Structure formats: C-alpha cells, structure tokens
Amino acid sequence: MPHTRLRKFNTRDTYPDQALDNDLCQAVVANGTVYLRGQVGTDFDGNLVGRDDPAAQTDQAMRNVETLLTEAGARLEDIVKITIFITRREDREPVYRTVGKWLKGVYPVSTGLMVAGLAKEEWLMEIDVIAVIPQED
C-alpha cells in the first residue's frame, strides 16, 4: 500500500452534534512525506485544553503534532510547512509565541490566516503541518 493512514476515525464520533459520516485519519504518510490533519486544542480523547486560552490550546495542538509525527517516523525538526488558522486577531501573538517555542531552530515555511471560525466554536486556533521523514544513508 503506497500510503499509511494513522489514527483512523469517523466524523460521526468526533462531531456527534453534526450529521456527518466521513472516514478520516489524523495522519497520512505518502512517499516519505507526513501530512497531518489540522490540530487544535483538544487531546486525542476529544477533551478541550485551555477554554478561551489560545496559548494553552496551541500547546496542546503542538503536543498532538509531536505525537503524530513520532508515530509516523518523523520529528518536529522534520516539519517543512505549517499553516496556522486563528479566529481572533488578538490571539496571534500568544499562538505564534507558543508555536515558536516548539519549533525553535526548525525554520519551516509558514502561512498564517485569520478565519471567521473553525469546526467548533471553542477552538481558537488550528495548525496544519507537513513534514518529510529523513532518509537513512
């Protein structure tokens, strides 16, 4: 199989208050590249960390990123691209400061977007990550 899919789930479980039925996963590894689902301030059991606290939500999202990359055979240092979605302009600094702590010395390319909202109202930010698994010599 050319792609490895990690932590499969269905949206009817993730969003029980919405009429959804989509088969998704948290990460896909394809040809040495890791594509992560957008990560938010919830743990993998669906518990929100840091209600109305953008730094705490970002810290949880980055913990999720680190866990998923490890499961895929990569590390934070292997991140090449991040996209950050923020719902409130005043949260930009705490979100970026927190991401910066996690990615100090990594130097990925980055895109930041202000958005009207995310899938759940309590989510203040979301980070989308692409990483490349290092090749063994």
N, C-alpha and C. Protein backbone atom coordinates (compact mmCIF):
# COMPACT_ATOMS: atom_id res chain seq x y z
N MET A 1 0.85 -1.18 0.00
CA MET A 1 0.00 0.00 0.00
C MET A 1 0.89 1.24 0.00
N PRO A 2 0.66 2.16 -0.90
CA PRO A 2 1.54 3.32 -1.02
C PRO A 2 1.39 4.34 0.11
N HIS A 3 0.28 4.32 0.84
CA HIS A 3 0.06 5.30 1.90
C HIS A 3 -0.23 4.58 3.21
N THR A 4 0.29 5.13 4.30
CA THR A 4 -0.02 4.64 5.63
C THR A 4 -0.94 5.65 6.29
N ARG A 5 -2.04 5.18 6.82
CA ARG A 5 -3.02 6.06 7.46
C ARG A 5 -3.04 5.76 8.96
N LEU A 6 -2.78 6.80 9.76
CA LEU A 6 -2.66 6.64 11.20
C LEU A 6 -3.85 7.25 11.94
N ARG A 7 -4.29 6.55 12.97
CA ARG A 7 -5.39 7.02 13.84
C ARG A 7 -6.65 7.32 13.03
N LYS A 8 -7.16 6.31 12.39
CA LYS A 8 -8.41 6.45 11.62
C LYS A 8 -9.58 6.74 12.55
N PHE A 9 -10.55 7.50 12.03
CA PHE A 9 -11.75 7.81 12.80
C PHE A 9 -12.87 8.19 11.84
N ASN A 10 -14.07 8.31 12.39
CA ASN A 10 -15.21 8.77 11.61
C ASN A 10 -15.76 10.03 12.27
N THR A 11 -16.13 10.99 11.45
CA THR A 11 -16.60 12.27 11.97
C THR A 11 -17.89 12.16 12.77
N ARG A 12 -18.66 11.11 12.61
CA ARG A 12 -19.88 10.97 13.42
C ARG A 12 -19.51 10.81 14.89
N ASP A 13 -18.30 10.29 15.17
CA ASP A 13 -17.83 10.16 16.56
C ASP A 13 -17.22 11.47 17.05
N THR A 14 -16.52 12.15 16.18
CA THR A 14 -15.84 13.39 16.55
C THR A 14 -16.81 14.55 16.72
N TYR A 15 -17.82 14.58 15.88
CA TYR A 15 -18.81 15.66 15.90
C TYR A 15 -20.21 15.07 16.06
N PRO A 16 -20.55 14.52 17.24
CA PRO A 16 -21.84 13.86 17.41
C PRO A 16 -23.03 14.82 17.27
N ASP A 17 -22.78 16.11 17.41
CA ASP A 17 -23.85 17.10 17.29
C ASP A 17 -24.10 17.51 15.84
N GLN A 18 -23.33 16.96 14.90
CA GLN A 18 -23.49 17.28 13.49
C GLN A 18 -23.79 15.99 12.71
N ALA A 19 -24.57 16.09 11.67
CA ALA A 19 -24.93 14.92 10.87
C ALA A 19 -23.85 14.63 9.84
N LEU A 20 -22.72 14.08 10.31
CA LEU A 20 -21.58 13.79 9.44
C LEU A 20 -21.27 12.31 9.47
N ASP A 21 -20.65 11.81 8.39
CA ASP A 21 -20.25 10.41 8.31
C ASP A 21 -19.08 10.31 7.33
N ASN A 22 -17.93 10.86 7.74
CA ASN A 22 -16.75 10.87 6.90
C ASN A 22 -15.64 10.05 7.54
N ASP A 23 -15.04 9.14 6.77
CA ASP A 23 -13.91 8.35 7.25
C ASP A 23 -12.63 9.15 7.00
N LEU A 24 -11.93 9.50 8.08
CA LEU A 24 -10.72 10.30 8.01
C LEU A 24 -9.64 9.67 8.88
N CYS A 25 -8.48 10.31 8.93
CA CYS A 25 -7.42 9.88 9.83
C CYS A 25 -6.65 11.10 10.29
N GLN A 26 -5.82 10.92 11.31
CA GLN A 26 -5.03 12.03 11.86
C GLN A 26 -3.77 12.30 11.05
N ALA A 27 -3.24 11.28 10.38
CA ALA A 27 -2.01 11.46 9.62
C ALA A 27 -1.96 10.48 8.46
N VAL A 28 -1.36 10.94 7.36
CA VAL A 28 -1.09 10.08 6.20
C VAL A 28 0.39 10.21 5.88
N VAL A 29 1.04 9.06 5.70
CA VAL A 29 2.43 9.03 5.25
C VAL A 29 2.42 8.54 3.82
N ALA A 30 2.95 9.36 2.90
CA ALA A 30 2.99 9.01 1.48
C ALA A 30 4.34 9.42 0.92
N ASN A 31 5.07 8.45 0.39
CA ASN A 31 6.37 8.71 -0.24
C ASN A 31 7.30 9.53 0.66
N GLY A 32 7.35 9.19 1.93
CA GLY A 32 8.26 9.85 2.85
C GLY A 32 7.79 11.20 3.37
N THR A 33 6.59 11.61 2.99
CA THR A 33 6.04 12.87 3.47
C THR A 33 4.89 12.57 4.43
N VAL A 34 4.83 13.33 5.53
CA VAL A 34 3.78 13.18 6.53
C VAL A 34 2.84 14.37 6.42
N TYR A 35 1.57 14.09 6.23
CA TYR A 35 0.53 15.11 6.18
C TYR A 35 -0.36 14.92 7.40
N LEU A 36 -0.45 15.95 8.24
CA LEU A 36 -1.27 15.85 9.44
C LEU A 36 -2.61 16.54 9.24
N ARG A 37 -3.61 15.98 9.88
CA ARG A 37 -4.90 16.66 9.99
C ARG A 37 -4.68 17.92 10.81
N GLY A 38 -5.41 18.97 10.56
CA GLY A 38 -5.30 20.17 11.36
C GLY A 38 -5.48 19.84 12.83
N GLN A 39 -4.55 20.30 13.66
CA GLN A 39 -4.57 20.01 15.10
C GLN A 39 -5.05 21.24 15.87
N VAL A 40 -5.90 20.99 16.85
CA VAL A 40 -6.50 22.04 17.67
C VAL A 40 -6.20 21.76 19.14
N GLY A 41 -6.80 22.51 20.03
CA GLY A 41 -6.53 22.40 21.45
C GLY A 41 -7.28 21.29 22.16
N THR A 42 -7.51 20.18 21.50
CA THR A 42 -8.12 19.03 22.16
C THR A 42 -7.13 17.88 22.16
N ASP A 43 -7.20 17.05 23.20
CA ASP A 43 -6.36 15.86 23.22
C ASP A 43 -7.01 14.80 22.33
N PHE A 44 -6.37 13.66 22.21
CA PHE A 44 -6.88 12.62 21.31
C PHE A 44 -8.13 11.93 21.83
N ASP A 45 -8.54 12.24 23.05
CA ASP A 45 -9.81 11.75 23.57
C ASP A 45 -10.93 12.76 23.37
N GLY A 46 -10.61 13.89 22.76
CA GLY A 46 -11.62 14.91 22.48
C GLY A 46 -11.82 15.93 23.58
N ASN A 47 -10.96 15.94 24.59
CA ASN A 47 -11.07 16.89 25.70
C ASN A 47 -10.40 18.21 25.33
N LEU A 48 -11.13 19.31 25.43
CA LEU A 48 -10.58 20.63 25.18
C LEU A 48 -9.62 21.01 26.28
N VAL A 49 -8.45 21.51 25.91
CA VAL A 49 -7.46 22.01 26.86
C VAL A 49 -7.41 23.53 26.68
N GLY A 50 -7.64 24.27 27.75
CA GLY A 50 -7.50 25.72 27.69
C GLY A 50 -8.66 26.47 27.06
N ARG A 51 -9.86 26.26 27.59
CA ARG A 51 -11.01 27.03 27.09
C ARG A 51 -10.69 28.52 27.17
N ASP A 52 -10.83 29.20 26.07
CA ASP A 52 -10.58 30.64 25.94
C ASP A 52 -9.12 31.02 26.24
N ASP A 53 -8.20 30.07 26.11
CA ASP A 53 -6.77 30.31 26.34
C ASP A 53 -6.00 29.89 25.09
N PRO A 54 -5.69 30.84 24.20
CA PRO A 54 -5.05 30.47 22.93
C PRO A 54 -3.68 29.82 23.10
N ALA A 55 -2.90 30.23 24.10
CA ALA A 55 -1.59 29.62 24.30
C ALA A 55 -1.73 28.16 24.74
N ALA A 56 -2.66 27.88 25.66
CA ALA A 56 -2.86 26.51 26.12
C ALA A 56 -3.39 25.62 24.99
N GLN A 57 -4.30 26.14 24.18
CA GLN A 57 -4.80 25.36 23.04
C GLN A 57 -3.68 25.08 22.04
N THR A 58 -2.84 26.07 21.81
CA THR A 58 -1.73 25.89 20.88
C THR A 58 -0.73 24.87 21.42
N ASP A 59 -0.46 24.93 22.71
CA ASP A 59 0.45 23.98 23.32
C ASP A 59 -0.08 22.55 23.16
N GLN A 60 -1.39 22.35 23.37
CA GLN A 60 -1.98 21.03 23.18
C GLN A 60 -1.90 20.60 21.73
N ALA A 61 -2.20 21.51 20.81
CA ALA A 61 -2.11 21.18 19.38
C ALA A 61 -0.70 20.74 19.01
N MET A 62 0.30 21.42 19.55
CA MET A 62 1.69 21.05 19.24
C MET A 62 2.08 19.73 19.90
N ARG A 63 1.53 19.42 21.08
CA ARG A 63 1.75 18.09 21.68
C ARG A 63 1.19 17.02 20.74
N ASN A 64 0.00 17.29 20.19
CA ASN A 64 -0.60 16.34 19.25
C ASN A 64 0.29 16.18 18.01
N VAL A 65 0.79 17.30 17.49
CA VAL A 65 1.67 17.27 16.31
C VAL A 65 2.89 16.40 16.61
N GLU A 66 3.51 16.62 17.74
CA GLU A 66 4.71 15.85 18.10
C GLU A 66 4.39 14.35 18.19
N THR A 67 3.28 14.01 18.82
CA THR A 67 2.87 12.61 18.95
C THR A 67 2.64 11.97 17.58
N LEU A 68 1.89 12.66 16.73
CA LEU A 68 1.58 12.11 15.40
C LEU A 68 2.84 11.96 14.54
N LEU A 69 3.72 12.95 14.60
CA LEU A 69 4.95 12.84 13.82
C LEU A 69 5.79 11.66 14.30
N THR A 70 5.88 11.47 15.61
CA THR A 70 6.62 10.33 16.16
C THR A 70 6.02 9.02 15.67
N GLU A 71 4.71 8.91 15.71
CA GLU A 71 4.04 7.69 15.24
C GLU A 71 4.30 7.45 13.75
N ALA A 72 4.51 8.51 13.00
CA ALA A 72 4.74 8.41 11.55
C ALA A 72 6.22 8.22 11.21
N GLY A 73 7.10 8.29 12.21
CA GLY A 73 8.53 8.11 11.96
C GLY A 73 9.26 9.42 11.70
N ALA A 74 8.68 10.53 12.12
CA ALA A 74 9.30 11.84 11.92
C ALA A 74 9.43 12.55 13.27
N ARG A 75 10.01 13.75 13.23
CA ARG A 75 10.19 14.56 14.43
C ARG A 75 9.76 15.99 14.12
N LEU A 76 9.67 16.81 15.14
CA LEU A 76 9.36 18.22 14.92
C LEU A 76 10.37 18.86 13.97
N GLU A 77 11.63 18.45 14.07
CA GLU A 77 12.68 19.00 13.23
C GLU A 77 12.47 18.71 11.74
N ASP A 78 11.59 17.76 11.44
CA ASP A 78 11.33 17.38 10.05
C ASP A 78 10.19 18.16 9.42
N ILE A 79 9.57 19.07 10.18
CA ILE A 79 8.48 19.88 9.64
C ILE A 79 9.02 20.83 8.58
N VAL A 80 8.33 20.87 7.44
CA VAL A 80 8.73 21.77 6.35
C VAL A 80 7.72 22.88 6.10
N LYS A 81 6.46 22.67 6.50
CA LYS A 81 5.41 23.65 6.21
C LYS A 81 4.38 23.63 7.32
N ILE A 82 4.01 24.83 7.80
CA ILE A 82 2.91 24.95 8.74
C ILE A 82 1.94 26.00 8.24
N THR A 83 0.68 25.77 8.50
CA THR A 83 -0.35 26.76 8.26
C THR A 83 -1.12 26.92 9.56
N ILE A 84 -1.23 28.16 10.03
CA ILE A 84 -1.90 28.43 11.30
C ILE A 84 -3.17 29.24 11.02
N PHE A 85 -4.27 28.75 11.54
CA PHE A 85 -5.57 29.42 11.43
C PHE A 85 -5.92 29.97 12.81
N ILE A 86 -6.27 31.24 12.89
CA ILE A 86 -6.60 31.89 14.15
C ILE A 86 -7.95 32.59 14.00
N THR A 87 -8.81 32.46 15.01
CA THR A 87 -10.15 33.04 14.92
C THR A 87 -10.25 34.46 15.48
N ARG A 88 -9.27 34.86 16.31
CA ARG A 88 -9.31 36.21 16.89
C ARG A 88 -7.93 36.86 16.72
N ARG A 89 -7.92 38.03 16.13
CA ARG A 89 -6.66 38.71 15.86
C ARG A 89 -5.80 38.89 17.12
N GLU A 90 -6.44 39.15 18.25
CA GLU A 90 -5.68 39.37 19.49
C GLU A 90 -4.98 38.10 19.99
N ASP A 91 -5.31 36.95 19.42
CA ASP A 91 -4.67 35.69 19.82
C ASP A 91 -3.42 35.38 19.00
N ARG A 92 -3.13 36.21 18.00
CA ARG A 92 -2.00 35.92 17.12
C ARG A 92 -0.68 35.79 17.89
N GLU A 93 -0.39 36.76 18.75
CA GLU A 93 0.89 36.72 19.47
C GLU A 93 1.01 35.51 20.39
N PRO A 94 0.03 35.20 21.26
CA PRO A 94 0.21 34.01 22.10
C PRO A 94 0.29 32.71 21.30
N VAL A 95 -0.43 32.64 20.20
CA VAL A 95 -0.37 31.43 19.37
C VAL A 95 1.02 31.30 18.74
N TYR A 96 1.49 32.36 18.12
CA TYR A 96 2.79 32.30 17.45
C TYR A 96 3.94 32.14 18.44
N ARG A 97 3.85 32.76 19.62
CA ARG A 97 4.90 32.57 20.63
C ARG A 97 4.97 31.10 21.04
N THR A 98 3.82 30.48 21.22
CA THR A 98 3.80 29.07 21.64
C THR A 98 4.34 28.17 20.55
N VAL A 99 3.91 28.37 19.31
CA VAL A 99 4.44 27.57 18.20
C VAL A 99 5.95 27.78 18.11
N GLY A 100 6.39 29.03 18.29
CA GLY A 100 7.81 29.34 18.21
C GLY A 100 8.65 28.59 19.23
N LYS A 101 8.10 28.37 20.44
CA LYS A 101 8.81 27.60 21.45
C LYS A 101 9.00 26.15 21.00
N TRP A 102 7.98 25.58 20.40
CA TRP A 102 8.04 24.20 19.94
C TRP A 102 8.96 24.04 18.73
N LEU A 103 9.02 25.05 17.87
CA LEU A 103 9.75 24.92 16.61
C LEU A 103 11.03 25.77 16.56
N LYS A 104 11.57 26.11 17.73
CA LYS A 104 12.81 26.88 17.78
C LYS A 104 13.91 26.15 17.02
N GLY A 105 14.52 26.83 16.05
CA GLY A 105 15.60 26.25 15.26
C GLY A 105 15.17 25.37 14.12
N VAL A 106 13.86 25.21 13.88
CA VAL A 106 13.37 24.33 12.81
C VAL A 106 13.27 25.08 11.48
N TYR A 107 12.81 26.30 11.46
CA TYR A 107 12.70 27.14 10.27
C TYR A 107 11.80 26.57 9.17
N PRO A 108 10.56 26.17 9.48
CA PRO A 108 9.66 25.75 8.41
C PRO A 108 9.12 26.99 7.67
N VAL A 109 8.56 26.79 6.49
CA VAL A 109 7.81 27.87 5.88
C VAL A 109 6.47 27.92 6.60
N SER A 110 5.86 29.11 6.63
CA SER A 110 4.66 29.28 7.43
C SER A 110 3.68 30.21 6.75
N THR A 111 2.41 29.87 6.88
CA THR A 111 1.33 30.74 6.43
C THR A 111 0.39 30.92 7.60
N GLY A 112 -0.02 32.15 7.85
CA GLY A 112 -0.97 32.43 8.92
C GLY A 112 -2.23 33.06 8.35
N LEU A 113 -3.37 32.59 8.82
CA LEU A 113 -4.65 33.07 8.31
C LEU A 113 -5.58 33.44 9.46
N MET A 114 -6.27 34.54 9.31
CA MET A 114 -7.36 34.89 10.21
C MET A 114 -8.63 34.33 9.58
N VAL A 115 -9.40 33.58 10.36
CA VAL A 115 -10.61 32.95 9.84
C VAL A 115 -11.81 33.32 10.72
N ALA A 116 -12.99 33.25 10.14
CA ALA A 116 -14.21 33.60 10.87
C ALA A 116 -14.55 32.57 11.95
N GLY A 117 -14.12 31.34 11.78
CA GLY A 117 -14.39 30.31 12.76
C GLY A 117 -13.83 28.97 12.32
N LEU A 118 -13.81 28.04 13.26
CA LEU A 118 -13.35 26.67 13.00
C LEU A 118 -14.53 25.73 13.23
N ALA A 119 -14.30 24.43 13.13
CA ALA A 119 -15.39 23.46 13.19
C ALA A 119 -16.17 23.50 14.51
N LYS A 120 -15.49 23.87 15.59
CA LYS A 120 -16.17 24.02 16.88
C LYS A 120 -15.90 25.43 17.41
N GLU A 121 -16.91 26.04 17.95
CA GLU A 121 -16.82 27.42 18.39
C GLU A 121 -15.72 27.66 19.42
N GLU A 122 -15.46 26.68 20.28
CA GLU A 122 -14.47 26.86 21.35
C GLU A 122 -13.02 26.76 20.85
N TRP A 123 -12.84 26.29 19.62
CA TRP A 123 -11.48 26.20 19.08
C TRP A 123 -11.03 27.59 18.63
N LEU A 124 -9.91 28.05 19.15
CA LEU A 124 -9.39 29.37 18.85
C LEU A 124 -8.34 29.36 17.75
N MET A 125 -7.73 28.19 17.55
CA MET A 125 -6.66 28.07 16.56
C MET A 125 -6.61 26.65 16.02
N GLU A 126 -5.96 26.51 14.87
CA GLU A 126 -5.72 25.20 14.28
C GLU A 126 -4.41 25.28 13.52
N ILE A 127 -3.62 24.21 13.59
CA ILE A 127 -2.35 24.20 12.87
C ILE A 127 -2.30 22.98 11.96
N ASP A 128 -1.94 23.25 10.73
CA ASP A 128 -1.81 22.22 9.71
C ASP A 128 -0.31 22.03 9.44
N VAL A 129 0.16 20.78 9.42
CA VAL A 129 1.59 20.51 9.35
C VAL A 129 1.90 19.50 8.25
N ILE A 130 3.01 19.76 7.56
CA ILE A 130 3.60 18.80 6.61
C ILE A 130 5.05 18.61 7.02
N ALA A 131 5.48 17.35 7.07
CA ALA A 131 6.87 17.03 7.43
C ALA A 131 7.41 16.00 6.44
N VAL A 132 8.72 15.94 6.34
CA VAL A 132 9.39 14.96 5.49
C VAL A 132 10.24 14.06 6.37
N ILE A 133 10.01 12.76 6.28
CA ILE A 133 10.77 11.79 7.07
C ILE A 133 12.20 11.74 6.53
N PRO A 134 13.19 11.86 7.41
CA PRO A 134 14.58 11.82 6.94
C PRO A 134 14.91 10.48 6.30
N GLN A 135 15.69 10.52 5.23
CA GLN A 135 16.11 9.30 4.54
C GLN A 135 17.36 8.74 5.22
N GLU A 136 17.39 7.45 5.41
CA GLU A 136 18.57 6.80 6.00
C GLU A 136 19.66 6.74 4.94
N ASP A 137 20.90 6.97 5.38
CA ASP A 137 22.04 6.90 4.44
C ASP A 137 22.47 5.49 4.19
